[in-house]
Amino acid sequence: MSYVEWVFMSYFGMPKDRANTLMLQVHEQGRAIVSRGEREQMETDAQAMHRFGLQATIEEDAE
């Protein structure tokens, strides 16, 4: 779990408390929104998560 927190802080530049909150959401609910934006950037972010050994998907925002 600390690895996921570290990835969020390292790659996304999140503060520790935000990274911890999202890591716990992933742990408890199986998923969390860690990035939003244009499709190309989301693809880059998803590929980065895969390189870190984490699962990531891209979904269209329902809002």
C-alpha atoms as a PDB file:
ATOM      1  CA  MET A   1       0.000   0.000   0.000  1.00  0.00           C
ATOM      2  CA  SER A   2       2.865   2.376   0.694  1.00  0.00           C
ATOM      3  CA  TYR A   3       4.142   1.701  -2.840  1.00  0.00           C
ATOM      4  CA  VAL A   4       0.867   2.900  -4.375  1.00  0.00           C
ATOM      5  CA  GLU A   5       1.009   6.002  -2.186  1.00  0.00           C
ATOM      6  CA  TRP A   6       4.614   6.596  -3.284  1.00  0.00           C
ATOM      7  CA  VAL A   7       3.674   6.235  -6.982  1.00  0.00           C
ATOM      8  CA  PHE A   8       0.882   8.788  -6.627  1.00  0.00           C
ATOM      9  CA  MET A   9       3.237  11.234  -4.898  1.00  0.00           C
ATOM     10  CA  SER A  10       6.125  10.619  -7.305  1.00  0.00           C
ATOM     11  CA  TYR A  11       4.286  10.603 -10.612  1.00  0.00           C
ATOM     12  CA  PHE A  12       1.378  12.959  -9.966  1.00  0.00           C
ATOM     13  CA  GLY A  13       3.125  15.173  -7.414  1.00  0.00           C
ATOM     14  CA  MET A  14       0.344  14.649  -4.882  1.00  0.00           C
ATOM     15  CA  PRO A  15       0.815  15.649  -1.265  1.00  0.00           C
ATOM     16  CA  LYS A  16       1.147  12.676   1.086  1.00  0.00           C
ATOM     17  CA  ASP A  17      -2.323  13.074   2.614  1.00  0.00           C
ATOM     18  CA  ARG A  18      -4.062  13.112  -0.822  1.00  0.00           C
ATOM     19  CA  ALA A  19      -1.999  10.127  -2.014  1.00  0.00           C
ATOM     20  CA  ASN A  20      -2.902   8.255   1.172  1.00  0.00           C
ATOM     21  CA  THR A  21      -6.613   9.022   0.756  1.00  0.00           C
ATOM     22  CA  LEU A  22      -6.621   7.757  -2.841  1.00  0.00           C
ATOM     23  CA  MET A  23      -4.560   4.691  -1.936  1.00  0.00           C
ATOM     24  CA  LEU A  24      -7.105   3.801   0.757  1.00  0.00           C
ATOM     25  CA  GLN A  25      -9.942   4.321  -1.722  1.00  0.00           C
ATOM     26  CA  VAL A  26      -8.252   1.910  -4.135  1.00  0.00           C
ATOM     27  CA  HIS A  27      -7.676  -0.570  -1.312  1.00  0.00           C
ATOM     28  CA  GLU A  28     -11.246  -0.444  -0.010  1.00  0.00           C
ATOM     29  CA  GLN A  29     -13.269   0.165  -3.195  1.00  0.00           C
ATOM     30  CA  GLY A  30     -10.948  -1.257  -5.836  1.00  0.00           C
ATOM     31  CA  ARG A  31     -10.623   2.016  -7.752  1.00  0.00           C
ATOM     32  CA  ALA A  32     -10.101   5.760  -7.497  1.00  0.00           C
ATOM     33  CA  ILE A  33      -9.909   8.687  -9.878  1.00  0.00           C
ATOM     34  CA  VAL A  34      -6.306   9.836  -9.744  1.00  0.00           C
ATOM     35  CA  SER A  35      -6.199  12.011 -12.858  1.00  0.00           C
ATOM     36  CA  ARG A  36      -8.555  13.957 -15.116  1.00  0.00           C
ATOM     37  CA  GLY A  37      -7.977  15.772 -18.358  1.00  0.00           C
ATOM     38  CA  GLU A  38      -7.619  15.406 -22.085  1.00  0.00           C
ATOM     39  CA  ARG A  39      -7.561  11.875 -23.501  1.00  0.00           C
ATOM     40  CA  GLU A  40      -3.914  12.017 -24.609  1.00  0.00           C
ATOM     41  CA  GLN A  41      -2.769  12.946 -21.100  1.00  0.00           C
ATOM     42  CA  MET A  42      -4.949  10.232 -19.570  1.00  0.00           C
ATOM     43  CA  GLU A  43      -3.391   7.670 -21.901  1.00  0.00           C
ATOM     44  CA  THR A  44       0.066   8.843 -20.832  1.00  0.00           C
ATOM     45  CA  ASP A  45      -0.929   8.609 -17.158  1.00  0.00           C
ATOM     46  CA  ALA A  46      -2.430   5.128 -17.592  1.00  0.00           C
ATOM     47  CA  GLN A  47       0.701   3.901 -19.368  1.00  0.00           C
ATOM     48  CA  ALA A  48       2.822   5.317 -16.556  1.00  0.00           C
ATOM     49  CA  MET A  49       0.747   3.453 -13.966  1.00  0.00           C
ATOM     50  CA  HIS A  50       1.255   0.250 -15.967  1.00  0.00           C
ATOM     51  CA  ARG A  51       5.029   0.844 -15.996  1.00  0.00           C
ATOM     52  CA  PHE A  52       4.865   1.146 -12.201  1.00  0.00           C
ATOM     53  CA  GLY A  53       3.060  -2.215 -12.133  1.00  0.00           C
ATOM     54  CA  LEU A  54      -0.352  -0.772 -11.254  1.00  0.00           C
ATOM     55  CA  GLN A  55      -3.627  -1.320 -13.077  1.00  0.00           C
ATOM     56  CA  ALA A  56      -5.201   1.713 -14.700  1.00  0.00           C
ATOM     57  CA  THR A  57      -8.124   2.331 -16.981  1.00  0.00           C
ATOM     58  CA  ILE A  58      -9.431   5.349 -18.851  1.00  0.00           C
ATOM     59  CA  GLU A  59     -13.116   6.142 -18.645  1.00  0.00           C
ATOM     60  CA  GLU A  60     -15.157   9.008 -19.991  1.00  0.00           C
ATOM     61  CA  ASP A  61     -16.332  11.339 -17.272  1.00  0.00           C
ATOM     62  CA  ALA A  62     -20.011  10.732 -16.514  1.00  0.00           C
ATOM     63  CA  GLU A  63     -20.555  14.368 -15.536  1.00  0.00           C
END
